[in-house]
Amino acid sequence: MKELFLSFSLLSLLSWPAPGAPAQEATALVARIEKALADKEPRWRIVPRSPQAVSHTIHLKSGNSHALITVFVFDSAKSAGEAFEGNTIAFGNTAGRRGRKTSLPKFADENLMWTGFSAGATTSIHFRQGEVYVNLTAPSQATAKRFARHALEQVVEYQKAPAGGREGRR
């Protein structure tokens, strides 16, 4: 499981947007998702980020179970779509090749889900909604789907906010 998180983290770092991307927007959106998870998933706690953290990854822990949610905010839906496509191809060719790939009906603009690719019924969901790309890994399909719904709800609310209400929005 540790190797899976390391490879997942490496994929996250490799796909991080270029320096000109709206990093402040990602920070505001990650804060919203963290709050929703804290409110709606009281059995899970958010593990504090290290000061050296480069990406916007939320690490959750409940007992011995871990989940990772990585959020990317791009300057356009096209850029987010390219990141979604590239990362899902990379994931499907690595850890995901040992699992079953499906999609969730009527969920975000694009999505893919892999189940059963590692011990412990780990599930990974990748989705894109507009200019936001999210990938997450959780210990079960039910947990992954719940966390993905919480994240998508916040992405949609965030995108509805007027441009002035989004930190760092140009």
Protein backbone atom coordinates (compact mmCIF):
# COMPACT_ATOMS: atom_id res chain seq x y z
CA MET A 1 0.00 0.00 0.00
CA LYS A 2 2.89 2.34 0.80
CA GLU A 3 4.30 1.84 -2.73
CA LEU A 4 0.90 2.69 -4.19
CA PHE A 5 0.78 6.00 -2.31
CA LEU A 6 4.36 6.81 -3.37
CA SER A 7 3.62 6.14 -7.05
CA PHE A 8 0.31 8.04 -6.75
CA SER A 9 2.14 11.00 -5.19
CA LEU A 10 4.77 10.91 -7.94
CA LEU A 11 2.02 10.99 -10.61
CA SER A 12 0.48 13.94 -8.78
CA LEU A 13 3.75 15.88 -8.76
CA LEU A 14 4.47 15.12 -12.42
CA SER A 15 1.11 16.48 -13.49
CA TRP A 16 1.14 19.64 -11.39
CA PRO A 17 0.25 22.71 -13.48
CA ALA A 18 2.91 25.05 -14.80
CA PRO A 19 4.10 27.90 -12.54
CA GLY A 20 1.61 30.34 -14.08
CA ALA A 21 -1.39 28.22 -13.01
CA PRO A 22 -3.80 29.67 -10.43
CA ALA A 23 -2.22 28.13 -7.32
CA GLN A 24 -4.18 30.37 -4.94
CA GLU A 25 -7.42 29.08 -6.43
CA ALA A 26 -6.35 25.52 -5.73
CA THR A 27 -5.56 26.47 -2.13
CA ALA A 28 -9.04 27.98 -1.61
CA LEU A 29 -10.72 24.98 -3.21
CA VAL A 30 -8.67 22.50 -1.17
CA ALA A 31 -9.72 24.37 2.01
CA ARG A 32 -13.39 23.98 0.98
CA ILE A 33 -12.97 20.25 0.31
CA GLU A 34 -11.12 19.76 3.61
CA LYS A 35 -13.96 21.51 5.48
CA ALA A 36 -16.62 19.38 3.75
CA LEU A 37 -14.70 16.21 4.57
CA ALA A 38 -14.22 17.26 8.20
CA ASP A 39 -17.94 18.07 8.53
CA LYS A 40 -19.29 15.03 6.68
CA GLU A 41 -16.71 12.36 7.59
CA PRO A 42 -16.10 12.72 11.35
CA ARG A 43 -14.43 9.30 11.62
CA TRP A 44 -11.67 10.49 9.29
CA ARG A 45 -9.09 13.08 10.28
CA ILE A 46 -7.01 15.22 7.97
CA VAL A 47 -3.31 14.60 8.37
CA PRO A 48 -1.42 17.92 8.54
CA ARG A 49 0.61 18.77 5.45
CA SER A 50 4.35 19.01 5.69
CA PRO A 51 5.72 22.54 5.24
CA GLN A 52 7.58 21.33 2.12
CA ALA A 53 4.40 20.13 0.37
CA VAL A 54 4.41 21.14 -3.30
CA SER A 55 0.99 19.87 -4.38
CA HIS A 56 -2.53 20.31 -3.06
CA THR A 57 -3.03 16.87 -1.60
CA ILE A 58 -5.41 16.09 1.23
CA HIS A 59 -4.30 13.07 3.28
CA LEU A 60 -7.02 11.50 5.42
CA LYS A 61 -6.61 8.76 8.02
CA SER A 62 -9.11 6.61 9.92
CA GLY A 63 -7.57 3.90 12.07
CA ASN A 64 -5.12 2.10 9.79
CA SER A 65 -6.84 3.30 6.60
CA HIS A 66 -5.53 6.15 4.47
CA ALA A 67 -7.04 8.17 1.61
CA LEU A 68 -5.43 10.76 -0.65
CA ILE A 69 -7.23 13.45 -2.62
CA THR A 70 -5.20 15.62 -4.99
CA VAL A 71 -6.77 18.76 -6.45
CA PHE A 72 -5.50 20.62 -9.52
CA VAL A 73 -6.97 23.94 -10.70
CA PHE A 74 -6.00 24.92 -14.22
CA ASP A 75 -6.54 28.09 -16.20
CA SER A 76 -8.92 26.32 -18.60
CA ALA A 77 -11.11 23.23 -18.95
CA LYS A 78 -8.92 22.24 -21.92
CA SER A 79 -5.78 22.16 -19.76
CA ALA A 80 -7.61 20.24 -17.03
CA GLY A 81 -8.89 17.80 -19.67
CA GLU A 82 -5.35 17.24 -20.93
CA ALA A 83 -4.15 16.56 -17.37
CA PHE A 84 -7.09 14.20 -16.80
CA GLU A 85 -6.33 12.33 -20.01
CA GLY A 86 -2.59 12.09 -19.36
CA ASN A 87 -2.94 11.03 -15.76
CA THR A 88 -5.64 8.47 -16.40
CA ILE A 89 -3.54 6.93 -19.17
CA ALA A 90 -0.50 6.84 -16.86
CA PHE A 91 -2.50 5.41 -13.95
CA GLY A 92 -4.16 2.83 -16.21
CA ASN A 93 -0.75 1.72 -17.49
CA THR A 94 0.75 1.40 -13.99
CA ALA A 95 -1.20 0.61 -10.83
CA GLY A 96 -4.54 0.55 -12.62
CA ARG A 97 -3.53 -2.18 -15.06
CA ARG A 98 -4.10 -4.74 -12.30
CA GLY A 99 -7.63 -3.53 -11.59
CA ARG A 100 -10.99 -3.02 -13.22
CA LYS A 101 -11.62 0.33 -14.97
CA THR A 102 -15.16 1.76 -15.08
CA SER A 103 -16.82 5.15 -15.01
CA LEU A 104 -19.44 6.63 -12.73
CA PRO A 105 -22.68 7.55 -14.51
CA LYS A 106 -23.60 11.24 -14.56
CA PHE A 107 -20.61 12.25 -12.45
CA ALA A 108 -18.60 15.37 -13.37
CA ASP A 109 -17.59 16.28 -16.93
CA GLU A 110 -15.28 13.25 -17.13
CA ASN A 111 -14.43 10.46 -14.72
CA LEU A 112 -12.79 7.06 -14.45
CA MET A 113 -12.66 4.65 -11.53
CA TRP A 114 -10.31 1.73 -10.90
CA THR A 115 -11.13 -0.95 -8.35
CA GLY A 116 -9.22 -3.97 -7.08
CA PHE A 117 -5.79 -2.87 -8.26
CA SER A 118 -4.07 -3.51 -4.93
CA ALA A 119 -4.59 -5.46 -1.72
CA GLY A 120 -7.35 -4.21 0.52
CA ALA A 121 -9.90 -3.35 -2.21
CA THR A 122 -8.30 0.04 -2.89
CA THR A 123 -10.24 2.28 -5.29
CA SER A 124 -9.03 5.26 -7.30
CA ILE A 125 -11.35 7.84 -8.86
CA HIS A 126 -10.18 10.54 -11.26
CA PHE A 127 -12.59 13.26 -12.37
CA ARG A 128 -12.64 16.60 -14.15
CA GLN A 129 -15.21 19.32 -13.69
CA GLY A 130 -14.47 22.38 -15.80
CA GLU A 131 -10.97 23.62 -15.06
CA VAL A 132 -10.57 21.39 -11.98
CA TYR A 133 -9.05 17.90 -12.06
CA VAL A 134 -9.23 15.71 -8.93
CA ASN A 135 -7.75 12.28 -8.33
CA LEU A 136 -8.30 10.30 -5.18
CA THR A 137 -7.42 6.93 -3.74
CA ALA A 138 -9.35 5.40 -0.84
CA PRO A 139 -9.39 2.00 0.88
CA SER A 140 -12.79 0.97 -0.50
CA GLN A 141 -15.13 1.74 -3.37
CA ALA A 142 -17.81 3.07 -1.01
CA THR A 143 -15.36 5.44 0.70
CA ALA A 144 -13.88 6.60 -2.61
CA LYS A 145 -17.34 7.36 -4.02
CA ARG A 146 -18.36 9.29 -0.88
CA PHE A 147 -15.16 11.34 -0.90
CA ALA A 148 -15.50 12.00 -4.64
CA ARG A 149 -19.09 13.25 -4.13
CA HIS A 150 -17.95 15.56 -1.31
CA ALA A 151 -15.13 16.92 -3.49
CA LEU A 152 -17.35 17.36 -6.56
CA GLU A 153 -20.00 19.22 -4.52
CA GLN A 154 -17.33 21.68 -3.40
CA VAL A 155 -15.89 22.05 -6.89
CA VAL A 156 -19.34 22.88 -8.29
CA GLU A 157 -20.06 25.39 -5.49
CA TYR A 158 -16.62 26.90 -5.93
CA GLN A 159 -17.15 27.30 -9.67
CA LYS A 160 -20.52 29.00 -9.09
CA ALA A 161 -18.90 31.68 -6.92
CA PRO A 162 -18.41 35.03 -8.64
CA ALA A 163 -14.87 35.58 -9.86
CA GLY A 164 -14.27 38.03 -6.99
CA GLY A 165 -15.21 35.30 -4.50
CA ARG A 166 -12.47 33.00 -5.67
CA GLU A 167 -9.05 33.66 -4.25
CA GLY A 168 -6.46 34.35 -6.90
CA ARG A 169 -8.98 34.40 -9.79
CA ARG A 170 -7.97 36.78 -12.56
